[in-house]
């Protein structure tokens, strides 16, 4: 029986969903988004902290400092996911498939 060789259109169609799915489940994006969101919220809250609340934390503007730290960490995670995306080896994916009949 003749073996069917996939065309470039079939290969491209197979690669698109895997690439989108790998980006969807990349934990760096989820962690980065959460840290960025909470960092922005805590930084805004820290900008409007009363002097009485600052005095309770031994004079340290803790909400502002931690908010900026979380914001930086979240942006670093998002930058890492952007600069080093998940790349799947197409030969490993092809070997996982059952042979065509």
PDB file of N, CA and C in Angstrom:
ATOM      1  N   UNK A   1       0.823  -1.159   0.000  1.00  0.00           N
ATOM      2  CA  UNK A   1       0.000   0.000   0.000  1.00  0.00           C
ATOM      3  C   UNK A   1       0.881   1.241   0.000  1.00  0.00           C
ATOM      4  N   UNK A   2       0.504   2.232  -0.756  1.00  0.00           N
ATOM      5  CA  UNK A   2       1.295   3.458  -0.863  1.00  0.00           C
ATOM      6  C   UNK A   2       1.101   4.311   0.389  1.00  0.00           C
ATOM      7  N   UNK A   3       2.197   4.865   0.847  1.00  0.00           N
ATOM      8  CA  UNK A   3       2.141   5.706   2.039  1.00  0.00           C
ATOM      9  C   UNK A   3       1.800   7.129   1.612  1.00  0.00           C
ATOM     10  N   UNK A   4       0.870   7.755   2.315  1.00  0.00           N
ATOM     11  CA  UNK A   4       0.438   9.110   2.003  1.00  0.00           C
ATOM     12  C   UNK A   4       1.403  10.108   2.626  1.00  0.00           C
ATOM     13  N   UNK A   5       2.008  10.963   1.812  1.00  0.00           N
ATOM     14  CA  UNK A   5       2.889  12.016   2.296  1.00  0.00           C
ATOM     15  C   UNK A   5       2.053  13.276   2.522  1.00  0.00           C
ATOM     16  N   UNK A   6       2.110  13.876   3.712  1.00  0.00           N
ATOM     17  CA  UNK A   6       1.312  15.074   3.957  1.00  0.00           C
ATOM     18  C   UNK A   6       1.841  16.265   3.166  1.00  0.00           C
ATOM     19  N   UNK A   7       0.926  17.086   2.691  1.00  0.00           N
ATOM     20  CA  UNK A   7       1.296  18.290   1.950  1.00  0.00           C
ATOM     21  C   UNK A   7       1.649  19.392   2.931  1.00  0.00           C
ATOM     22  N   UNK A   8       2.228  20.475   2.429  1.00  0.00           N
ATOM     23  CA  UNK A   8       2.609  21.588   3.301  1.00  0.00           C
ATOM     24  C   UNK A   8       1.384  22.243   3.925  1.00  0.00           C
ATOM     25  N   UNK A   9       0.236  22.232   3.207  1.00  0.00           N
ATOM     26  CA  UNK A   9      -0.992  22.797   3.771  1.00  0.00           C
ATOM     27  C   UNK A   9      -1.476  21.963   4.953  1.00  0.00           C
ATOM     28  N   UNK A  10      -1.360  20.638   4.853  1.00  0.00           N
ATOM     29  CA  UNK A  10      -1.776  19.776   5.942  1.00  0.00           C
ATOM     30  C   UNK A  10      -0.863  19.948   7.154  1.00  0.00           C
ATOM     31  N   UNK A  11       0.427  20.101   6.897  1.00  0.00           N
ATOM     32  CA  UNK A  11       1.363  20.311   8.003  1.00  0.00           C
ATOM     33  C   UNK A  11       1.103  21.645   8.682  1.00  0.00           C
ATOM     34  N   UNK A  12       0.835  22.685   7.893  1.00  0.00           N
ATOM     35  CA  UNK A  12       0.564  24.000   8.464  1.00  0.00           C
ATOM     36  C   UNK A  12      -0.732  23.982   9.257  1.00  0.00           C
ATOM     37  N   UNK A  13      -1.727  23.259   8.762  1.00  0.00           N
ATOM     38  CA  UNK A  13      -2.998  23.164   9.479  1.00  0.00           C
ATOM     39  C   UNK A  13      -2.821  22.417  10.798  1.00  0.00           C
ATOM     40  N   UNK A  14      -1.939  21.429  10.829  1.00  0.00           N
ATOM     41  CA  UNK A  14      -1.695  20.685  12.067  1.00  0.00           C
ATOM     42  C   UNK A  14      -0.937  21.525  13.084  1.00  0.00           C
ATOM     43  N   UNK A  15      -0.046  22.414  12.648  1.00  0.00           N
ATOM     44  CA  UNK A  15       0.785  23.194  13.557  1.00  0.00           C
ATOM     45  C   UNK A  15       0.030  24.339  14.214  1.00  0.00           C
ATOM     46  N   UNK A  16      -0.943  24.923  13.559  1.00  0.00           N
ATOM     47  CA  UNK A  16      -1.622  26.109  14.087  1.00  0.00           C
ATOM     48  C   UNK A  16      -2.329  25.839  15.415  1.00  0.00           C
ATOM     49  N   UNK A  17      -3.155  24.804  15.543  1.00  0.00           N
ATOM     50  CA  UNK A  17      -3.812  24.602  16.830  1.00  0.00           C
ATOM     51  C   UNK A  17      -2.847  24.266  17.963  1.00  0.00           C
ATOM     52  N   UNK A  18      -1.786  23.523  17.675  1.00  0.00           N
ATOM     53  CA  UNK A  18      -0.834  23.176  18.725  1.00  0.00           C
ATOM     54  C   UNK A  18      -0.139  24.423  19.250  1.00  0.00           C
ATOM     55  N   UNK A  19       0.223  25.331  18.349  1.00  0.00           N
ATOM     56  CA  UNK A  19       0.890  26.556  18.753  1.00  0.00           C
ATOM     57  C   UNK A  19      -0.028  27.417  19.614  1.00  0.00           C
ATOM     58  N   UNK A  20      -1.280  27.543  19.202  1.00  0.00           N
ATOM     59  CA  UNK A  20      -2.233  28.332  19.976  1.00  0.00           C
ATOM     60  C   UNK A  20      -2.497  27.687  21.331  1.00  0.00           C
ATOM     61  N   UNK A  21      -2.592  26.375  21.362  1.00  0.00           N
ATOM     62  CA  UNK A  21      -2.848  25.681  22.624  1.00  0.00           C
ATOM     63  C   UNK A  21      -1.649  25.800  23.561  1.00  0.00           C
ATOM     64  N   UNK A  22      -0.451  25.762  23.028  1.00  0.00           N
ATOM     65  CA  UNK A  22       0.721  25.875  23.894  1.00  0.00           C
ATOM     66  C   UNK A  22       0.816  27.265  24.505  1.00  0.00           C
ATOM     67  N   UNK A  23       0.429  28.285  23.769  1.00  0.00           N
ATOM     68  CA  UNK A  23       0.427  29.632  24.332  1.00  0.00           C
ATOM     69  C   UNK A  23      -0.671  29.784  25.374  1.00  0.00           C
ATOM     70  N   UNK A  24      -1.790  29.115  25.161  1.00  0.00           N
ATOM     71  CA  UNK A  24      -2.908  29.216  26.082  1.00  0.00           C
ATOM     72  C   UNK A  24      -2.550  28.626  27.438  1.00  0.00           C
ATOM     73  N   UNK A  25      -1.782  27.555  27.468  1.00  0.00           N
ATOM     74  CA  UNK A  25      -1.465  26.872  28.711  1.00  0.00           C
ATOM     75  C   UNK A  25      -0.070  27.198  29.229  1.00  0.00           C
ATOM     76  N   UNK A  26       0.534  28.283  28.758  1.00  0.00           N
ATOM     77  CA  UNK A  26       1.845  28.687  29.249  1.00  0.00           C
ATOM     78  C   UNK A  26       1.658  29.347  30.613  1.00  0.00           C
ATOM     79  N   UNK A  27       2.179  28.724  31.660  1.00  0.00           N
ATOM     80  CA  UNK A  27       1.988  29.232  33.014  1.00  0.00           C
ATOM     81  C   UNK A  27       2.684  30.566  33.251  1.00  0.00           C
ATOM     82  N   UNK A  28       3.709  30.860  32.462  1.00  0.00           N
ATOM     83  CA  UNK A  28       4.386  32.147  32.636  1.00  0.00           C
ATOM     84  C   UNK A  28       3.450  33.307  32.354  1.00  0.00           C
ATOM     85  N   UNK A  29       2.548  33.134  31.392  1.00  0.00           N
ATOM     86  CA  UNK A  29       1.612  34.202  31.067  1.00  0.00           C
ATOM     87  C   UNK A  29       0.600  34.371  32.196  1.00  0.00           C
ATOM     88  N   UNK A  30       0.097  33.276  32.724  1.00  0.00           N
ATOM     89  CA  UNK A  30      -0.865  33.344  33.818  1.00  0.00           C
ATOM     90  C   UNK A  30      -0.234  33.970  35.062  1.00  0.00           C
ATOM     91  N   UNK A  31       0.942  33.515  35.433  1.00  0.00           N
ATOM     92  CA  UNK A  31       1.621  34.049  36.622  1.00  0.00           C
ATOM     93  C   UNK A  31       1.970  35.518  36.411  1.00  0.00           C
ATOM     94  N   UNK A  32       2.481  35.856  35.236  1.00  0.00           N
ATOM     95  CA  UNK A  32       2.831  37.244  34.946  1.00  0.00           C
ATOM     96  C   UNK A  32       1.627  38.162  34.979  1.00  0.00           C
ATOM     97  N   UNK A  33       0.503  37.701  34.430  1.00  0.00           N
ATOM     98  CA  UNK A  33      -0.706  38.528  34.429  1.00  0.00           C
ATOM     99  C   UNK A  33      -1.225  38.754  35.842  1.00  0.00           C
ATOM    100  N   UNK A  34      -1.218  37.703  36.666  1.00  0.00           N
ATOM    101  CA  UNK A  34      -1.693  37.858  38.038  1.00  0.00           C
ATOM    102  C   UNK A  34      -0.797  38.782  38.855  1.00  0.00           C
ATOM    103  N   UNK A  35       0.507  38.599  38.768  1.00  0.00           N
ATOM    104  CA  UNK A  35       1.418  39.474  39.506  1.00  0.00           C
ATOM    105  C   UNK A  35       1.308  40.912  39.016  1.00  0.00           C
ATOM    106  N   UNK A  36       1.148  41.110  37.720  1.00  0.00           N
ATOM    107  CA  UNK A  36       1.015  42.465  37.180  1.00  0.00           C
ATOM    108  C   UNK A  36      -0.274  43.104  37.676  1.00  0.00           C
ATOM    109  N   UNK A  37      -1.372  42.371  37.618  1.00  0.00           N
ATOM    110  CA  UNK A  37      -2.655  42.916  38.076  1.00  0.00           C
ATOM    111  C   UNK A  37      -2.596  43.302  39.550  1.00  0.00           C
ATOM    112  N   UNK A  38      -2.148  42.380  40.400  1.00  0.00           N
ATOM    113  CA  UNK A  38      -2.094  42.671  41.829  1.00  0.00           C
ATOM    114  C   UNK A  38      -1.021  43.720  42.145  1.00  0.00           C
ATOM    115  N   UNK A  39       0.029  43.767  41.365  1.00  0.00           N
ATOM    116  CA  UNK A  39       1.048  44.802  41.564  1.00  0.00           C
ATOM    117  C   UNK A  39       0.512  46.189  41.276  1.00  0.00           C
ATOM    118  N   UNK A  40      -0.265  46.312  40.200  1.00  0.00           N
ATOM    119  CA  UNK A  40      -0.878  47.607  39.885  1.00  0.00           C
ATOM    120  C   UNK A  40      -1.862  48.000  40.982  1.00  0.00           C
ATOM    121  N   UNK A  41      -2.700  47.055  41.408  1.00  0.00           N
ATOM    122  CA  UNK A  41      -3.689  47.362  42.453  1.00  0.00           C
ATOM    123  C   UNK A  41      -3.004  47.771  43.756  1.00  0.00           C
ATOM    124  N   UNK A  42      -1.971  47.063  44.156  1.00  0.00           N
ATOM    125  CA  UNK A  42      -1.293  47.374  45.411  1.00  0.00           C
ATOM    126  C   UNK A  42      -0.498  48.676  45.316  1.00  0.00           C
ATOM    127  N   UNK A  43       0.056  48.962  44.151  1.00  0.00           N
ATOM    128  CA  UNK A  43       0.776  50.224  43.968  1.00  0.00           C
ATOM    129  C   UNK A  43      -0.182  51.409  44.062  1.00  0.00           C
ATOM    130  N   UNK A  44      -1.344  51.293  43.430  1.00  0.00           N
ATOM    131  CA  UNK A  44      -2.335  52.373  43.515  1.00  0.00           C
ATOM    132  C   UNK A  44      -2.807  52.547  44.957  1.00  0.00           C
ATOM    133  N   UNK A  45      -3.062  51.437  45.645  1.00  0.00           N
ATOM    134  CA  UNK A  45      -3.460  51.517  47.046  1.00  0.00           C
ATOM    135  C   UNK A  45      -2.341  52.134  47.891  1.00  0.00           C
ATOM    136  N   UNK A  46      -1.099  51.790  47.579  1.00  0.00           N
ATOM    137  CA  UNK A  46       0.039  52.322  48.326  1.00  0.00           C
ATOM    138  C   UNK A  46       0.237  53.812  48.136  1.00  0.00           C
ATOM    139  N   UNK A  47      -0.173  54.330  46.980  1.00  0.00           N
ATOM    140  CA  UNK A  47      -0.053  55.778  46.739  1.00  0.00           C
ATOM    141  C   UNK A  47      -1.019  56.584  47.617  1.00  0.00           C
ATOM    142  N   UNK A  48      -2.107  55.974  48.028  1.00  0.00           N
ATOM    143  CA  UNK A  48      -3.121  56.677  48.818  1.00  0.00           C
ATOM    144  C   UNK A  48      -3.175  56.186  50.264  1.00  0.00           C
ATOM    145  N   UNK A  49      -2.099  55.586  50.747  1.00  0.00           N
ATOM    146  CA  UNK A  49      -2.050  55.098  52.130  1.00  0.00           C
ATOM    147  C   UNK A  49      -1.892  56.282  53.078  1.00  0.00           C
ATOM    148  N   UNK A  50      -2.643  56.264  54.153  1.00  0.00           N
ATOM    149  CA  UNK A  50      -2.597  57.370  55.116  1.00  0.00           C
ATOM    150  C   UNK A  50      -1.325  57.281  55.964  1.00  0.00           C
ATOM    151  N   UNK A  51      -0.901  58.407  56.514  1.00  0.00           N
ATOM    152  CA  UNK A  51       0.292  58.389  57.379  1.00  0.00           C
ATOM    153  C   UNK A  51       0.121  57.498  58.622  1.00  0.00           C
ATOM    154  N   UNK A  52      -1.105  57.343  59.101  1.00  0.00           N
ATOM    155  CA  UNK A  52      -1.339  56.469  60.262  1.00  0.00           C
ATOM    156  C   UNK A  52      -1.045  55.010  59.908  1.00  0.00           C
ATOM    157  N   UNK A  53      -1.445  54.605  58.716  1.00  0.00           N
ATOM    158  CA  UNK A  53      -1.178  53.227  58.290  1.00  0.00           C
ATOM    159  C   UNK A  53       0.311  53.001  58.054  1.00  0.00           C
ATOM    160  N   UNK A  54       1.004  54.004  57.560  1.00  0.00           N
ATOM    161  CA  UNK A  54       2.451  53.898  57.360  1.00  0.00           C
ATOM    162  C   UNK A  54       3.148  53.797  58.715  1.00  0.00           C
ATOM    163  N   UNK A  55       2.668  54.519  59.686  1.00  0.00           N
ATOM    164  CA  UNK A  55       3.254  54.460  61.040  1.00  0.00           C
ATOM    165  C   UNK A  55       3.073  53.077  61.652  1.00  0.00           C
ATOM    166  N   UNK A  56       1.964  52.391  61.329  1.00  0.00           N
ATOM    167  CA  UNK A  56       1.735  51.039  61.855  1.00  0.00           C
ATOM    168  C   UNK A  56       2.766  50.043  61.315  1.00  0.00           C
ATOM    169  N   UNK A  57       3.315  50.317  60.142  1.00  0.00           N
ATOM    170  CA  UNK A  57       4.292  49.397  59.541  1.00  0.00           C
ATOM    171  C   UNK A  57       5.721  49.897  59.760  1.00  0.00           C
ATOM    172  N   UNK A  58       5.963  50.515  60.914  1.00  0.00           N
ATOM    173  CA  UNK A  58       7.286  51.000  61.321  1.00  0.00           C
ATOM    174  C   UNK A  58       7.852  52.034  60.357  1.00  0.00           C
ATOM    175  N   UNK A  59       6.962  52.814  59.756  1.00  0.00           N
ATOM    176  CA  UNK A  59       7.402  53.888  58.872  1.00  0.00           C
ATOM    177  C   UNK A  59       7.777  53.442  57.472  1.00  0.00           C
ATOM    178  N   UNK A  60       7.582  52.172  57.169  1.00  0.00           N
ATOM    179  CA  UNK A  60       7.914  51.648  55.836  1.00  0.00           C
ATOM    180  C   UNK A  60       6.658  51.701  54.983  1.00  0.00           C
ATOM    181  N   UNK A  61       6.795  52.240  53.790  1.00  0.00           N
ATOM    182  CA  UNK A  61       5.674  52.331  52.853  1.00  0.00           C
ATOM    183  C   UNK A  61       5.520  50.969  52.162  1.00  0.00           C
ATOM    184  N   UNK A  62       5.087  49.973  52.938  1.00  0.00           N
ATOM    185  CA  UNK A  62       5.131  48.575  52.517  1.00  0.00           C
ATOM    186  C   UNK A  62       4.216  48.285  51.334  1.00  0.00           C
ATOM    187  N   UNK A  63       3.030  48.881  51.292  1.00  0.00           N
ATOM    188  CA  UNK A  63       2.114  48.621  50.180  1.00  0.00           C
ATOM    189  C   UNK A  63       2.704  49.104  48.860  1.00  0.00           C
ATOM    190  N   UNK A  64       3.297  50.265  48.870  1.00  0.00           N
ATOM    191  CA  UNK A  64       3.889  50.809  47.652  1.00  0.00           C
ATOM    192  C   UNK A  64       5.099  49.981  47.220  1.00  0.00           C
ATOM    193  N   UNK A  65       5.961  49.635  48.162  1.00  0.00           N
ATOM    194  CA  UNK A  65       7.156  48.873  47.815  1.00  0.00           C
ATOM    195  C   UNK A  65       6.823  47.477  47.288  1.00  0.00           C
ATOM    196  N   UNK A  66       5.918  46.786  47.952  1.00  0.00           N
ATOM    197  CA  UNK A  66       5.539  45.447  47.490  1.00  0.00           C
ATOM    198  C   UNK A  66       4.745  45.515  46.185  1.00  0.00           C
ATOM    199  N   UNK A  67       3.947  46.551  46.017  1.00  0.00           N
ATOM    200  CA  UNK A  67       3.207  46.708  44.768  1.00  0.00           C
ATOM    201  C   UNK A  67       4.145  46.897  43.587  1.00  0.00           C
ATOM    202  N   UNK A  68       5.161  47.717  43.761  1.00  0.00           N
ATOM    203  CA  UNK A  68       6.134  47.927  42.690  1.00  0.00           C
ATOM    204  C   UNK A  68       6.918  46.639  42.435  1.00  0.00           C
ATOM    205  N   UNK A  69       7.281  45.936  43.504  1.00  0.00           N
ATOM    206  CA  UNK A  69       7.996  44.669  43.342  1.00  0.00           C
ATOM    207  C   UNK A  69       7.167  43.631  42.591  1.00  0.00           C
ATOM    208  N   UNK A  70       5.894  43.511  42.935  1.00  0.00           N
ATOM    209  CA  UNK A  70       5.020  42.568  42.238  1.00  0.00           C
ATOM    210  C   UNK A  70       4.822  42.971  40.782  1.00  0.00           C
ATOM    211  N   UNK A  71       4.705  44.259  40.529  1.00  0.00           N
ATOM    212  CA  UNK A  71       4.547  44.754  39.162  1.00  0.00           C
ATOM    213  C   UNK A  71       5.772  44.414  38.323  1.00  0.00           C
ATOM    214  N   UNK A  72       6.957  44.639  38.874  1.00  0.00           N
ATOM    215  CA  UNK A  72       8.195  44.319  38.160  1.00  0.00           C
ATOM    216  C   UNK A  72       8.291  42.815  37.899  1.00  0.00           C
ATOM    217  N   UNK A  73       7.988  42.000  38.902  1.00  0.00           N
ATOM    218  CA  UNK A  73       8.043  40.551  38.737  1.00  0.00           C
ATOM    219  C   UNK A  73       7.055  40.074  37.667  1.00  0.00           C
ATOM    220  N   UNK A  74       5.837  40.595  37.693  1.00  0.00           N
ATOM    221  CA  UNK A  74       4.845  40.217  36.702  1.00  0.00           C
ATOM    222  C   UNK A  74       5.268  40.595  35.292  1.00  0.00           C
ATOM    223  N   UNK A  75       5.833  41.787  35.132  1.00  0.00           N
ATOM    224  CA  UNK A  75       6.293  42.213  33.814  1.00  0.00           C
ATOM    225  C   UNK A  75       7.487  41.380  33.343  1.00  0.00           C
ATOM    226  N   UNK A  76       8.333  40.947  34.270  1.00  0.00           N
ATOM    227  CA  UNK A  76       9.445  40.074  33.892  1.00  0.00           C
ATOM    228  C   UNK A  76       8.949  38.715  33.399  1.00  0.00           C
ATOM    229  N   UNK A  77       7.925  38.176  34.055  1.00  0.00           N
ATOM    230  CA  UNK A  77       7.343  36.911  33.596  1.00  0.00           C
ATOM    231  C   UNK A  77       6.744  37.062  32.196  1.00  0.00           C
ATOM    232  N   UNK A  78       6.026  38.153  31.970  1.00  0.00           N
ATOM    233  CA  UNK A  78       5.423  38.374  30.653  1.00  0.00           C
ATOM    234  C   UNK A  78       6.492  38.589  29.584  1.00  0.00           C
ATOM    235  N   UNK A  79       7.555  39.298  29.938  1.00  0.00           N
ATOM    236  CA  UNK A  79       8.659  39.497  29.002  1.00  0.00           C
ATOM    237  C   UNK A  79       9.345  38.175  28.686  1.00  0.00           C
ATOM    238  N   UNK A  80       9.528  37.341  29.687  1.00  0.00           N
ATOM    239  CA  UNK A  80      10.139  36.025  29.487  1.00  0.00           C
ATOM    240  C   UNK A  80       9.287  35.169  28.551  1.00  0.00           C
ATOM    241  N   UNK A  81       7.984  35.176  28.745  1.00  0.00           N
ATOM    242  CA  UNK A  81       7.092  34.403  27.874  1.00  0.00           C
ATOM    243  C   UNK A  81       7.115  34.944  26.451  1.00  0.00           C
ATOM    244  N   UNK A  82       7.294  36.249  26.306  1.00  0.00           N
ATOM    245  CA  UNK A  82       7.319  36.866  24.975  1.00  0.00           C
ATOM    246  C   UNK A  82       8.638  36.574  24.250  1.00  0.00           C
ATOM    247  N   UNK A  83       9.754  36.651  24.964  1.00  0.00           N
ATOM    248  CA  UNK A  83      11.069  36.492  24.331  1.00  0.00           C
ATOM    249  C   UNK A  83      11.464  35.032  24.129  1.00  0.00           C
ATOM    250  N   UNK A  84      10.959  34.126  24.954  1.00  0.00           N
ATOM    251  CA  UNK A  84      11.301  32.706  24.841  1.00  0.00           C
ATOM    252  C   UNK A  84      10.026  31.879  24.794  1.00  0.00           C
ATOM    253  N   UNK A  85       9.305  31.907  23.674  1.00  0.00           N
ATOM    254  CA  UNK A  85       8.043  31.155  23.601  1.00  0.00           C
ATOM    255  C   UNK A  85       8.293  29.657  23.615  1.00  0.00           C
ATOM    256  N   UNK A  86       7.247  28.914  23.956  1.00  0.00           N
ATOM    257  CA  UNK A  86       7.314  27.459  23.984  1.00  0.00           C
ATOM    258  C   UNK A  86       7.373  26.968  22.538  1.00  0.00           C
ATOM    259  N   UNK A  87       8.374  26.147  22.243  1.00  0.00           N
ATOM    260  CA  UNK A  87       8.533  25.595  20.899  1.00  0.00           C
ATOM    261  C   UNK A  87       8.453  24.081  21.005  1.00  0.00           C
ATOM    262  N   UNK A  88       7.564  23.502  20.228  1.00  0.00           N
ATOM    263  CA  UNK A  88       7.397  22.050  20.234  1.00  0.00           C
ATOM    264  C   UNK A  88       8.183  21.442  19.090  1.00  0.00           C
ATOM    265  N   UNK A  89       8.795  20.303  19.350  1.00  0.00           N
ATOM    266  CA  UNK A  89       9.550  19.585  18.334  1.00  0.00           C
ATOM    267  C   UNK A  89       8.567  18.831  17.435  1.00  0.00           C
ATOM    268  N   UNK A  90       8.507  19.167  16.135  1.00  0.00           N
ATOM    269  CA  UNK A  90       7.526  18.505  15.265  1.00  0.00           C
ATOM    270  C   UNK A  90       7.800  17.012  15.086  1.00  0.00           C
ATOM    271  N   UNK A  91       9.047  16.586  15.210  1.00  0.00           N
ATOM    272  CA  UNK A  91       9.338  15.160  15.059  1.00  0.00           C
ATOM    273  C   UNK A  91       8.801  14.369  16.249  1.00  0.00           C
ATOM    274  N   UNK A  92       8.836  14.962  17.441  1.00  0.00           N
ATOM    275  CA  UNK A  92       8.305  14.281  18.620  1.00  0.00           C
ATOM    276  C   UNK A  92       6.789  14.159  18.527  1.00  0.00           C
ATOM    277  N   UNK A  93       6.141  15.175  17.997  1.00  0.00           N
ATOM    278  CA  UNK A  93       4.691  15.136  17.846  1.00  0.00           C
ATOM    279  C   UNK A  93       4.308  14.112  16.799  1.00  0.00           C
ATOM    280  N   UNK A  94       5.067  14.039  15.709  1.00  0.00           N
ATOM    281  CA  UNK A  94       4.766  13.084  14.643  1.00  0.00           C
ATOM    282  C   UNK A  94       4.972  11.641  15.119  1.00  0.00           C
ATOM    283  N   UNK A  95       5.942  11.410  15.999  1.00  0.00           N
ATOM    284  CA  UNK A  95       6.182  10.054  16.470  1.00  0.00           C
ATOM    285  C   UNK A  95       5.107   9.591  17.457  1.00  0.00           C
ATOM    286  N   UNK A  96       4.381  10.523  18.071  1.00  0.00           N
ATOM    287  CA  UNK A  96       3.322  10.170  19.008  1.00  0.00           C
ATOM    288  C   UNK A  96       2.049   9.740  18.302  1.00  0.00           C
ATOM    289  N   UNK A  97       1.915  10.087  17.041  1.00  0.00           N
ATOM    290  CA  UNK A  97       0.705   9.752  16.297  1.00  0.00           C
ATOM    291  C   UNK A  97       0.737   8.279  15.875  1.00  0.00           C
ATOM    292  N   UNK A  98      -0.431   7.671  15.849  1.00  0.00           N
ATOM    293  CA  UNK A  98      -0.479   6.285  15.347  1.00  0.00           C
ATOM    294  C   UNK A  98      -0.234   6.263  13.833  1.00  0.00           C
ATOM    295  N   UNK A  99       0.299   5.202  13.310  1.00  0.00           N
ATOM    296  CA  UNK A  99       0.585   5.148  11.882  1.00  0.00           C
ATOM    297  C   UNK A  99      -0.704   5.197  11.076  1.00  0.00           C
ATOM    298  N   UNK A 100      -0.630   5.878   9.915  1.00  0.00           N
ATOM    299  CA  UNK A 100      -1.794   5.990   9.027  1.00  0.00           C
ATOM    300  C   UNK A 100      -1.984   4.666   8.293  1.00  0.00           C
ATOM    301  N   UNK A 101      -3.228   4.304   8.044  1.00  0.00           N
ATOM    302  CA  UNK A 101      -3.540   3.049   7.365  1.00  0.00           C
ATOM    303  C   UNK A 101      -3.668   3.264   5.893  1.00  0.00           C
TER     304      UNK A 101
END
